[in-house]
Amino acid sequence: MSAVNELERRLDADRPHAGPDERTETFHEVKPDRPPSVRPTGGPRAAKTKTRPRDPWSPVPRPTRTEWRRALTPMILQLLGVLLLALAALAGWRAATWDWTPADTVMRGVDATRPVRVLRVIDPDDPETPVRVVHAGRRYAIWWLDADAMVRTGMLLTRPGLVSVATSDSTAVLPEGGGA
């Protein structure tokens, strides 16, 4: 062990110790790849600007009117197609089930063709609910005011495009002029 101690003593004597303010290590210093006498090739270069790495979540700019139009045109066309289909289906359903007439129209028609004034149309199945729609092929109770100012009751018989009013004694209320 004495040989090792002697060797350390000689190494310490050859190398003077640094003072407390002097740097002792240079780990942070980077040595250039080439000696200082070699100049870079390729002429003058523009100064490098510091670039940030690209953010994967960059903000999206507002779309322009053209971009909105291009994006929304297929959806608007689909909506219009659905609306047109729904209107066509509604028109077809209405044409297929045209067996009803508004009650006010029927009352006006009876008033115009007979010497009576219809007061109310009543559904015999639900007398509490006012009748708004008269269906063909059904019977309705009807109240009317006749020429003698008396309130009468009867049945309103309906067929497609035609109505008939009958009293409780099975006599029909004829149009003005006796039906002739």
N, C-alpha and C. Protein backbone atom coordinates (compact mmCIF):
# COMPACT_ATOMS: atom_id res chain seq x y z
N MET A 1 0.79 -1.17 0.00
CA MET A 1 0.00 0.00 0.00
C MET A 1 0.85 1.26 0.00
N SER A 2 1.95 1.11 0.37
CA SER A 2 2.80 2.27 0.40
C SER A 2 3.13 2.73 -1.00
N ALA A 3 3.18 1.87 -1.98
CA ALA A 3 3.46 2.26 -3.36
C ALA A 3 2.32 3.11 -3.90
N VAL A 4 1.13 2.82 -3.53
CA VAL A 4 -0.03 3.59 -3.99
C VAL A 4 -0.01 4.95 -3.34
N ASN A 5 0.27 5.00 -2.08
CA ASN A 5 0.33 6.29 -1.40
C ASN A 5 1.42 7.18 -1.99
N GLU A 6 2.57 6.58 -2.30
CA GLU A 6 3.67 7.33 -2.89
C GLU A 6 3.24 7.89 -4.25
N LEU A 7 2.51 7.15 -5.04
CA LEU A 7 2.06 7.57 -6.36
C LEU A 7 1.07 8.73 -6.23
N GLU A 8 0.16 8.67 -5.32
CA GLU A 8 -0.80 9.76 -5.11
C GLU A 8 -0.09 11.04 -4.65
N ARG A 9 0.90 10.88 -3.79
CA ARG A 9 1.64 12.04 -3.30
C ARG A 9 2.35 12.73 -4.46
N ARG A 10 2.94 11.98 -5.38
CA ARG A 10 3.64 12.57 -6.52
C ARG A 10 2.66 13.26 -7.48
N LEU A 11 1.50 12.67 -7.70
CA LEU A 11 0.49 13.29 -8.58
C LEU A 11 -0.01 14.61 -7.98
N ASP A 12 -0.20 14.66 -6.70
CA ASP A 12 -0.65 15.89 -6.05
C ASP A 12 0.44 16.96 -6.13
N ALA A 13 1.66 16.57 -6.04
CA ALA A 13 2.76 17.54 -6.09
C ALA A 13 2.90 18.12 -7.49
N ASP A 14 2.68 17.33 -8.52
CA ASP A 14 2.81 17.81 -9.90
C ASP A 14 1.64 18.76 -10.29
N ARG A 15 0.54 18.60 -9.72
CA ARG A 15 -0.65 19.39 -10.11
C ARG A 15 -1.01 20.31 -8.96
N PRO A 16 -0.98 21.61 -9.20
CA PRO A 16 -1.34 22.51 -8.13
C PRO A 16 -2.86 22.52 -7.93
N HIS A 17 -3.28 22.73 -6.71
CA HIS A 17 -4.72 22.77 -6.41
C HIS A 17 -5.29 24.11 -6.81
N ALA A 18 -6.53 24.12 -7.27
CA ALA A 18 -7.21 25.35 -7.66
C ALA A 18 -7.69 26.07 -6.43
N GLY A 19 -7.81 27.38 -6.55
CA GLY A 19 -8.32 28.18 -5.45
C GLY A 19 -9.83 28.00 -5.31
N PRO A 20 -10.42 28.59 -4.27
CA PRO A 20 -11.85 28.41 -4.04
C PRO A 20 -12.72 29.08 -5.10
N ASP A 21 -12.24 30.10 -5.81
CA ASP A 21 -13.05 30.79 -6.82
C ASP A 21 -12.81 30.28 -8.23
N GLU A 22 -11.92 29.37 -8.43
CA GLU A 22 -11.61 28.89 -9.77
C GLU A 22 -12.48 27.68 -10.12
N ARG A 23 -12.79 27.59 -11.45
CA ARG A 23 -13.57 26.43 -11.91
C ARG A 23 -12.66 25.22 -11.96
N THR A 24 -13.20 24.12 -11.55
CA THR A 24 -12.38 22.92 -11.56
C THR A 24 -12.82 21.92 -12.60
N GLU A 25 -14.06 22.02 -13.05
CA GLU A 25 -14.54 21.05 -14.04
C GLU A 25 -15.21 21.78 -15.19
N THR A 26 -15.15 21.19 -16.37
CA THR A 26 -15.74 21.79 -17.57
C THR A 26 -16.70 20.82 -18.25
N PHE A 27 -17.58 20.24 -17.47
CA PHE A 27 -18.53 19.28 -18.07
C PHE A 27 -19.56 19.97 -18.96
N HIS A 28 -19.92 21.20 -18.68
CA HIS A 28 -20.96 21.88 -19.45
C HIS A 28 -20.44 22.46 -20.76
N GLU A 29 -19.19 22.53 -20.98
CA GLU A 29 -18.65 23.10 -22.20
C GLU A 29 -18.69 22.08 -23.33
N VAL A 30 -19.12 22.55 -24.51
CA VAL A 30 -19.22 21.67 -25.67
C VAL A 30 -18.09 22.03 -26.62
N LYS A 31 -17.34 21.04 -27.00
CA LYS A 31 -16.22 21.28 -27.91
C LYS A 31 -16.74 21.24 -29.34
N PRO A 32 -16.23 22.11 -30.22
CA PRO A 32 -16.69 22.09 -31.61
C PRO A 32 -16.27 20.80 -32.31
N ASP A 33 -17.05 20.47 -33.39
CA ASP A 33 -16.78 19.25 -34.15
C ASP A 33 -15.53 19.37 -35.01
N ARG A 34 -15.16 20.56 -35.39
CA ARG A 34 -14.00 20.74 -36.26
C ARG A 34 -13.06 21.78 -35.64
N PRO A 35 -11.86 21.73 -36.02
CA PRO A 35 -10.91 22.70 -35.47
C PRO A 35 -11.25 24.11 -35.92
N PRO A 36 -10.86 25.16 -35.21
CA PRO A 36 -11.22 26.53 -35.56
C PRO A 36 -10.64 27.00 -36.87
N SER A 37 -9.66 26.35 -37.44
CA SER A 37 -9.07 26.81 -38.70
C SER A 37 -9.93 26.44 -39.90
N VAL A 38 -10.86 25.54 -39.78
CA VAL A 38 -11.70 25.11 -40.91
C VAL A 38 -12.97 25.94 -40.89
N ARG A 39 -13.21 26.64 -42.01
CA ARG A 39 -14.40 27.47 -42.12
C ARG A 39 -15.56 26.66 -42.72
N PRO A 40 -16.78 26.98 -42.37
CA PRO A 40 -17.92 26.27 -42.97
C PRO A 40 -18.06 26.61 -44.44
N THR A 41 -18.53 25.67 -45.22
CA THR A 41 -18.71 25.88 -46.66
C THR A 41 -20.15 26.28 -46.95
N GLY A 42 -20.38 26.84 -48.12
CA GLY A 42 -21.75 27.14 -48.56
C GLY A 42 -22.12 28.59 -48.50
N GLY A 43 -21.21 29.48 -48.27
CA GLY A 43 -21.52 30.92 -48.31
C GLY A 43 -22.24 31.37 -47.05
N PRO A 44 -22.65 32.62 -47.07
CA PRO A 44 -23.30 33.16 -45.88
C PRO A 44 -24.69 32.54 -45.68
N ARG A 45 -25.01 32.28 -44.47
CA ARG A 45 -26.31 31.68 -44.14
C ARG A 45 -27.15 32.70 -43.38
N ALA A 46 -28.42 32.55 -43.56
CA ALA A 46 -29.33 33.43 -42.81
C ALA A 46 -29.31 33.01 -41.35
N ALA A 47 -29.51 33.97 -40.52
CA ALA A 47 -29.51 33.67 -39.09
C ALA A 47 -30.68 32.75 -38.77
N LYS A 48 -30.39 31.74 -37.99
CA LYS A 48 -31.43 30.79 -37.62
C LYS A 48 -32.36 31.44 -36.61
N THR A 49 -33.65 31.29 -36.88
CA THR A 49 -34.61 31.77 -35.90
C THR A 49 -35.00 30.62 -35.00
N LYS A 50 -35.32 30.95 -33.82
CA LYS A 50 -35.67 29.92 -32.86
C LYS A 50 -37.10 29.45 -33.18
N THR A 51 -37.30 28.19 -33.40
CA THR A 51 -38.62 27.65 -33.70
C THR A 51 -39.08 26.78 -32.55
N ARG A 52 -40.38 26.88 -32.32
CA ARG A 52 -40.96 26.04 -31.28
C ARG A 52 -41.41 24.73 -31.92
N PRO A 53 -41.44 23.67 -31.16
CA PRO A 53 -42.02 22.45 -31.72
C PRO A 53 -43.51 22.67 -31.96
N ARG A 54 -44.06 22.02 -32.98
CA ARG A 54 -45.47 22.21 -33.34
C ARG A 54 -46.36 21.65 -32.25
N ASP A 55 -47.35 22.44 -31.91
CA ASP A 55 -48.32 22.03 -30.91
C ASP A 55 -49.35 21.15 -31.61
N PRO A 56 -49.59 19.93 -31.11
CA PRO A 56 -50.59 19.08 -31.79
C PRO A 56 -52.00 19.60 -31.61
N TRP A 57 -52.25 20.52 -30.71
CA TRP A 57 -53.59 21.04 -30.46
C TRP A 57 -53.64 22.54 -30.79
N SER A 58 -53.41 22.87 -32.04
CA SER A 58 -53.43 24.27 -32.43
C SER A 58 -54.88 24.73 -32.60
N PRO A 59 -55.18 26.01 -32.42
CA PRO A 59 -56.55 26.49 -32.56
C PRO A 59 -57.00 26.45 -34.01
N VAL A 60 -58.30 26.20 -34.22
CA VAL A 60 -58.87 26.13 -35.56
C VAL A 60 -59.45 27.50 -35.90
N PRO A 61 -59.14 28.05 -37.07
CA PRO A 61 -59.70 29.35 -37.44
C PRO A 61 -61.20 29.24 -37.72
N ARG A 62 -61.88 30.37 -37.72
CA ARG A 62 -63.31 30.37 -38.03
C ARG A 62 -63.52 30.03 -39.51
N PRO A 63 -64.53 29.22 -39.80
CA PRO A 63 -64.80 28.90 -41.20
C PRO A 63 -65.33 30.10 -41.97
N THR A 64 -65.02 30.15 -43.24
CA THR A 64 -65.52 31.22 -44.10
C THR A 64 -66.93 30.87 -44.56
N ARG A 65 -67.59 31.82 -45.21
CA ARG A 65 -68.95 31.56 -45.70
C ARG A 65 -68.94 30.47 -46.76
N THR A 66 -67.94 30.44 -47.59
CA THR A 66 -67.84 29.40 -48.62
C THR A 66 -67.67 28.04 -47.97
N GLU A 67 -66.84 27.95 -46.94
CA GLU A 67 -66.65 26.68 -46.26
C GLU A 67 -67.94 26.22 -45.58
N TRP A 68 -68.66 27.17 -44.96
CA TRP A 68 -69.95 26.82 -44.36
C TRP A 68 -70.91 26.30 -45.43
N ARG A 69 -70.99 27.01 -46.56
CA ARG A 69 -71.92 26.62 -47.62
C ARG A 69 -71.59 25.22 -48.13
N ARG A 70 -70.31 24.95 -48.35
CA ARG A 70 -69.92 23.63 -48.86
C ARG A 70 -70.22 22.53 -47.84
N ALA A 71 -70.03 22.84 -46.58
CA ALA A 71 -70.25 21.83 -45.55
C ALA A 71 -71.73 21.59 -45.29
N LEU A 72 -72.55 22.64 -45.34
CA LEU A 72 -73.96 22.52 -44.97
C LEU A 72 -74.88 22.18 -46.14
N THR A 73 -74.43 22.34 -47.37
CA THR A 73 -75.30 22.08 -48.52
C THR A 73 -75.87 20.66 -48.52
N PRO A 74 -75.08 19.61 -48.29
CA PRO A 74 -75.69 18.27 -48.29
C PRO A 74 -76.73 18.09 -47.19
N MET A 75 -76.49 18.65 -46.02
CA MET A 75 -77.45 18.51 -44.93
C MET A 75 -78.74 19.28 -45.21
N ILE A 76 -78.61 20.46 -45.81
CA ILE A 76 -79.80 21.24 -46.15
C ILE A 76 -80.61 20.53 -47.22
N LEU A 77 -79.93 19.96 -48.20
CA LEU A 77 -80.65 19.22 -49.24
C LEU A 77 -81.35 18.00 -48.67
N GLN A 78 -80.72 17.31 -47.73
CA GLN A 78 -81.36 16.17 -47.08
C GLN A 78 -82.61 16.61 -46.31
N LEU A 79 -82.51 17.73 -45.60
CA LEU A 79 -83.64 18.24 -44.85
C LEU A 79 -84.79 18.61 -45.79
N LEU A 80 -84.46 19.27 -46.90
CA LEU A 80 -85.50 19.62 -47.87
C LEU A 80 -86.15 18.37 -48.46
N GLY A 81 -85.34 17.36 -48.72
CA GLY A 81 -85.89 16.11 -49.23
C GLY A 81 -86.83 15.45 -48.25
N VAL A 82 -86.46 15.45 -46.98
CA VAL A 82 -87.32 14.86 -45.96
C VAL A 82 -88.61 15.65 -45.83
N LEU A 83 -88.51 16.99 -45.86
CA LEU A 83 -89.71 17.82 -45.77
C LEU A 83 -90.63 17.59 -46.97
N LEU A 84 -90.06 17.53 -48.16
CA LEU A 84 -90.88 17.27 -49.35
C LEU A 84 -91.54 15.90 -49.27
N LEU A 85 -90.80 14.91 -48.79
CA LEU A 85 -91.37 13.57 -48.64
C LEU A 85 -92.50 13.58 -47.62
N ALA A 86 -92.31 14.30 -46.52
CA ALA A 86 -93.36 14.37 -45.50
C ALA A 86 -94.59 15.08 -46.04
N LEU A 87 -94.39 16.16 -46.81
CA LEU A 87 -95.53 16.86 -47.41
C LEU A 87 -96.25 15.98 -48.42
N ALA A 88 -95.50 15.24 -49.21
CA ALA A 88 -96.13 14.33 -50.18
C ALA A 88 -96.91 13.23 -49.46
N ALA A 89 -96.34 12.71 -48.37
CA ALA A 89 -97.04 11.68 -47.60
C ALA A 89 -98.31 12.24 -46.97
N LEU A 90 -98.23 13.47 -46.45
CA LEU A 90 -99.40 14.09 -45.85
C LEU A 90 -100.48 14.34 -46.90
N ALA A 91 -100.08 14.82 -48.07
CA ALA A 91 -101.05 15.05 -49.15
C ALA A 91 -101.67 13.73 -49.60
N GLY A 92 -100.89 12.67 -49.69
CA GLY A 92 -101.43 11.36 -50.06
C GLY A 92 -102.38 10.82 -49.01
N TRP A 93 -102.00 10.98 -47.75
CA TRP A 93 -102.89 10.52 -46.68
C TRP A 93 -104.18 11.31 -46.68
N ARG A 94 -104.06 12.63 -46.89
CA ARG A 94 -105.26 13.47 -46.90
C ARG A 94 -106.17 13.10 -48.06
N ALA A 95 -105.58 12.82 -49.21
CA ALA A 95 -106.39 12.43 -50.37
C ALA A 95 -107.04 11.06 -50.16
N ALA A 96 -106.34 10.17 -49.50
CA ALA A 96 -106.87 8.82 -49.29
C ALA A 96 -107.96 8.80 -48.21
N THR A 97 -107.92 9.73 -47.29
CA THR A 97 -108.89 9.73 -46.20
C THR A 97 -109.79 10.95 -46.24
N TRP A 98 -110.18 11.38 -47.42
CA TRP A 98 -111.01 12.56 -47.57
C TRP A 98 -112.47 12.19 -47.32
N ASP A 99 -112.75 11.74 -46.13
CA ASP A 99 -114.11 11.37 -45.81
C ASP A 99 -114.69 12.27 -44.73
N TRP A 100 -114.09 13.40 -44.53
CA TRP A 100 -114.58 14.30 -43.50
C TRP A 100 -114.70 15.72 -44.02
N THR A 101 -115.55 16.46 -43.34
CA THR A 101 -115.80 17.86 -43.69
C THR A 101 -115.88 18.63 -42.37
N PRO A 102 -115.41 19.85 -42.33
CA PRO A 102 -115.57 20.63 -41.10
C PRO A 102 -117.05 20.79 -40.74
N ALA A 103 -117.35 20.71 -39.46
CA ALA A 103 -118.74 20.79 -39.00
C ALA A 103 -119.37 22.14 -39.36
N ASP A 104 -118.60 23.20 -39.32
CA ASP A 104 -119.15 24.52 -39.68
C ASP A 104 -119.60 24.55 -41.14
N THR A 105 -118.88 23.86 -42.00
CA THR A 105 -119.25 23.81 -43.42
C THR A 105 -120.56 23.05 -43.60
N VAL A 106 -120.72 21.94 -42.88
CA VAL A 106 -121.96 21.16 -42.95
C VAL A 106 -123.12 21.98 -42.42
N MET A 107 -122.91 22.68 -41.30
CA MET A 107 -123.98 23.50 -40.73
C MET A 107 -124.39 24.63 -41.69
N ARG A 108 -123.41 25.25 -42.32
CA ARG A 108 -123.70 26.30 -43.30
C ARG A 108 -124.45 25.73 -44.50
N GLY A 109 -124.08 24.51 -44.92
CA GLY A 109 -124.75 23.88 -46.06
C GLY A 109 -126.20 23.53 -45.74
N VAL A 110 -126.47 23.04 -44.55
CA VAL A 110 -127.84 22.73 -44.15
C VAL A 110 -128.65 24.01 -44.05
N ASP A 111 -128.05 25.06 -43.47
CA ASP A 111 -128.76 26.35 -43.37
C ASP A 111 -129.14 26.89 -44.74
N ALA A 112 -128.27 26.72 -45.70
CA ALA A 112 -128.50 27.29 -47.03
C ALA A 112 -129.53 26.52 -47.84
N THR A 113 -129.72 25.23 -47.59
CA THR A 113 -130.61 24.42 -48.44
C THR A 113 -131.93 24.08 -47.76
N ARG A 114 -132.09 24.39 -46.48
CA ARG A 114 -133.32 24.04 -45.77
C ARG A 114 -133.82 25.26 -45.00
N PRO A 115 -135.11 25.28 -44.67
CA PRO A 115 -135.65 26.44 -43.95
C PRO A 115 -135.36 26.35 -42.44
N VAL A 116 -134.13 26.05 -42.08
CA VAL A 116 -133.76 25.89 -40.67
C VAL A 116 -132.46 26.63 -40.42
N ARG A 117 -132.14 26.81 -39.14
CA ARG A 117 -130.83 27.36 -38.74
C ARG A 117 -130.23 26.37 -37.75
N VAL A 118 -129.13 25.73 -38.14
CA VAL A 118 -128.49 24.71 -37.31
C VAL A 118 -127.80 25.39 -36.14
N LEU A 119 -128.08 24.87 -34.94
CA LEU A 119 -127.47 25.42 -33.74
C LEU A 119 -126.23 24.65 -33.32
N ARG A 120 -126.35 23.33 -33.38
CA ARG A 120 -125.22 22.52 -32.91
C ARG A 120 -125.29 21.12 -33.50
N VAL A 121 -124.09 20.55 -33.79
CA VAL A 121 -123.96 19.15 -34.22
C VAL A 121 -123.34 18.40 -33.05
N ILE A 122 -123.94 17.28 -32.68
CA ILE A 122 -123.51 16.53 -31.49
C ILE A 122 -123.16 15.11 -31.90
N ASP A 123 -122.05 14.62 -31.39
CA ASP A 123 -121.65 13.22 -31.60
C ASP A 123 -122.39 12.36 -30.57
N PRO A 124 -123.20 11.38 -31.00
CA PRO A 124 -123.95 10.58 -30.03
C PRO A 124 -123.03 9.75 -29.11
N ASP A 125 -121.83 9.44 -29.56
CA ASP A 125 -120.91 8.66 -28.72
C ASP A 125 -120.28 9.51 -27.63
N ASP A 126 -120.12 10.82 -27.87
CA ASP A 126 -119.49 11.71 -26.90
C ASP A 126 -120.20 13.07 -26.95
N PRO A 127 -121.37 13.19 -26.27
CA PRO A 127 -122.15 14.42 -26.38
C PRO A 127 -121.51 15.63 -25.72
N GLU A 128 -120.52 15.43 -24.85
CA GLU A 128 -119.89 16.55 -24.16
C GLU A 128 -118.89 17.30 -25.04
N THR A 129 -118.28 16.60 -25.99
CA THR A 129 -117.24 17.19 -26.83
C THR A 129 -117.87 17.79 -28.08
N PRO A 130 -117.57 19.07 -28.39
CA PRO A 130 -118.14 19.65 -29.60
C PRO A 130 -117.57 18.98 -30.85
N VAL A 131 -118.43 18.82 -31.85
CA VAL A 131 -118.01 18.20 -33.10
C VAL A 131 -117.37 19.27 -33.97
N ARG A 132 -116.15 19.01 -34.38
CA ARG A 132 -115.45 19.94 -35.26
C ARG A 132 -115.35 19.37 -36.67
N VAL A 133 -115.39 18.04 -36.78
CA VAL A 133 -115.24 17.37 -38.07
C VAL A 133 -116.37 16.36 -38.21
N VAL A 134 -117.06 16.39 -39.35
CA VAL A 134 -118.13 15.45 -39.64
C VAL A 134 -117.60 14.44 -40.64
N HIS A 135 -117.61 13.16 -40.25
CA HIS A 135 -117.12 12.08 -41.11
C HIS A 135 -118.27 11.50 -41.93
N ALA A 136 -117.97 11.12 -43.15
CA ALA A 136 -118.96 10.51 -44.02
C ALA A 136 -119.30 9.12 -43.49
N GLY A 137 -120.58 8.75 -43.56
CA GLY A 137 -121.01 7.43 -43.15
C GLY A 137 -121.35 7.33 -41.68
N ARG A 138 -121.29 8.41 -40.93
CA ARG A 138 -121.63 8.40 -39.50
C ARG A 138 -122.88 9.21 -39.26
N ARG A 139 -123.52 8.96 -38.11
CA ARG A 139 -124.72 9.69 -37.72
C ARG A 139 -124.37 10.67 -36.60
N TYR A 140 -124.96 11.83 -36.67
CA TYR A 140 -124.77 12.86 -35.66
C TYR A 140 -126.13 13.39 -35.25
N ALA A 141 -126.23 13.76 -33.99
CA ALA A 141 -127.43 14.46 -33.54
C ALA A 141 -127.28 15.93 -33.93
N ILE A 142 -128.40 16.56 -34.24
CA ILE A 142 -128.35 17.95 -34.68
C ILE A 142 -129.48 18.72 -34.01
N TRP A 143 -129.19 19.91 -33.58
CA TRP A 143 -130.21 20.83 -33.07
C TRP A 143 -130.34 21.94 -34.08
N TRP A 144 -131.59 22.31 -34.39
CA TRP A 144 -131.79 23.41 -35.31
C TRP A 144 -132.99 24.24 -34.88
N LEU A 145 -133.04 25.43 -35.39
CA LEU A 145 -134.13 26.36 -35.14
C LEU A 145 -134.94 26.42 -36.42
N ASP A 146 -136.23 26.02 -36.32
CA ASP A 146 -137.03 25.98 -37.55
C ASP A 146 -137.67 27.34 -37.81
N ALA A 147 -138.55 27.39 -38.83
CA ALA A 147 -139.18 28.65 -39.24
C ALA A 147 -140.11 29.19 -38.17
N ASP A 148 -140.64 28.34 -37.31
CA ASP A 148 -141.56 28.76 -36.24
C ASP A 148 -140.79 29.17 -34.98
N ALA A 149 -139.47 29.28 -35.04
CA ALA A 149 -138.60 29.65 -33.93
C ALA A 149 -138.64 28.62 -32.81
N MET A 150 -138.76 27.37 -33.17
CA MET A 150 -138.76 26.28 -32.19
C MET A 150 -137.47 25.48 -32.39
N VAL A 151 -136.87 25.08 -31.27
CA VAL A 151 -135.65 24.26 -31.33
C VAL A 151 -136.08 22.82 -31.54
N ARG A 152 -135.56 22.22 -32.56
CA ARG A 152 -135.88 20.83 -32.89
C ARG A 152 -134.60 20.00 -32.83
N THR A 153 -134.76 18.69 -32.69
CA THR A 153 -133.62 17.77 -32.72
C THR A 153 -133.86 16.76 -33.81
N GLY A 154 -132.79 16.23 -34.32
CA GLY A 154 -132.89 15.22 -35.35
C GLY A 154 -131.55 14.55 -35.56
N MET A 155 -131.49 13.79 -36.61
CA MET A 155 -130.26 13.07 -36.95
C MET A 155 -129.70 13.64 -38.25
N LEU A 156 -128.40 13.82 -38.23
CA LEU A 156 -127.69 14.26 -39.43
C LEU A 156 -127.04 13.02 -40.02
N LEU A 157 -127.54 12.59 -41.18
CA LEU A 157 -127.00 11.41 -41.86
C LEU A 157 -126.05 11.90 -42.95
N THR A 158 -124.88 11.30 -43.01
CA THR A 158 -123.86 11.80 -43.95
C THR A 158 -123.44 10.70 -44.90
N ARG A 159 -123.18 11.13 -46.11
CA ARG A 159 -122.54 10.30 -47.13
C ARG A 159 -121.50 11.19 -47.80
N PRO A 160 -120.56 10.62 -48.52
CA PRO A 160 -119.55 11.48 -49.16
C PRO A 160 -120.20 12.54 -50.04
N GLY A 161 -120.07 13.80 -49.65
CA GLY A 161 -120.60 14.92 -50.43
C GLY A 161 -122.07 15.21 -50.19
N LEU A 162 -122.80 14.42 -49.42
CA LEU A 162 -124.23 14.62 -49.19
C LEU A 162 -124.56 14.51 -47.71
N VAL A 163 -125.53 15.30 -47.26
CA VAL A 163 -126.04 15.20 -45.90
C VAL A 163 -127.56 15.17 -45.95
N SER A 164 -128.15 14.52 -44.98
CA SER A 164 -129.60 14.46 -44.87
C SER A 164 -129.96 14.67 -43.41
N VAL A 165 -131.04 15.39 -43.16
CA VAL A 165 -131.50 15.65 -41.81
C VAL A 165 -132.84 14.96 -41.65
N ALA A 166 -132.96 14.13 -40.61
CA ALA A 166 -134.21 13.41 -40.34
C ALA A 166 -134.63 13.71 -38.91
N THR A 167 -135.95 13.79 -38.71
CA THR A 167 -136.47 14.04 -37.37
C THR A 167 -136.71 12.71 -36.68
N SER A 168 -137.14 12.80 -35.42
CA SER A 168 -137.35 11.58 -34.64
C SER A 168 -138.52 10.76 -35.16
N ASP A 169 -139.45 11.36 -35.89
CA ASP A 169 -140.57 10.60 -36.44
C ASP A 169 -140.29 10.17 -37.88
N SER A 170 -139.00 10.14 -38.25
CA SER A 170 -138.53 9.66 -39.56
C SER A 170 -138.98 10.51 -40.73
N THR A 171 -139.24 11.76 -40.50
CA THR A 171 -139.56 12.63 -41.61
C THR A 171 -138.33 13.46 -41.93
N ALA A 172 -138.07 13.60 -43.19
CA ALA A 172 -136.89 14.35 -43.60
C ALA A 172 -137.21 15.83 -43.66
N VAL A 173 -136.27 16.61 -43.31
CA VAL A 173 -136.41 18.05 -43.44
C VAL A 173 -136.04 18.37 -44.87
N LEU A 174 -137.05 18.81 -45.62
CA LEU A 174 -136.88 19.01 -47.04
C LEU A 174 -136.26 20.38 -47.32
N PRO A 175 -135.60 20.49 -48.46
CA PRO A 175 -135.11 21.80 -48.84
C PRO A 175 -136.28 22.75 -49.09
N GLU A 176 -135.99 24.03 -49.14
CA GLU A 176 -137.02 25.02 -49.40
C GLU A 176 -137.69 24.73 -50.72
N GLY A 177 -139.01 24.91 -50.77
CA GLY A 177 -139.75 24.67 -51.99
C GLY A 177 -140.26 23.24 -52.06
N GLY A 178 -140.12 22.44 -51.00
CA GLY A 178 -140.68 21.10 -50.98
C GLY A 178 -139.90 20.10 -51.77
N GLY A 179 -138.66 20.39 -52.14
CA GLY A 179 -137.82 19.41 -52.83
C GLY A 179 -138.05 19.39 -54.31
N ALA A 180 -138.91 20.24 -54.85
CA ALA A 180 -139.20 20.21 -56.26
C ALA A 180 -138.30 21.15 -57.02
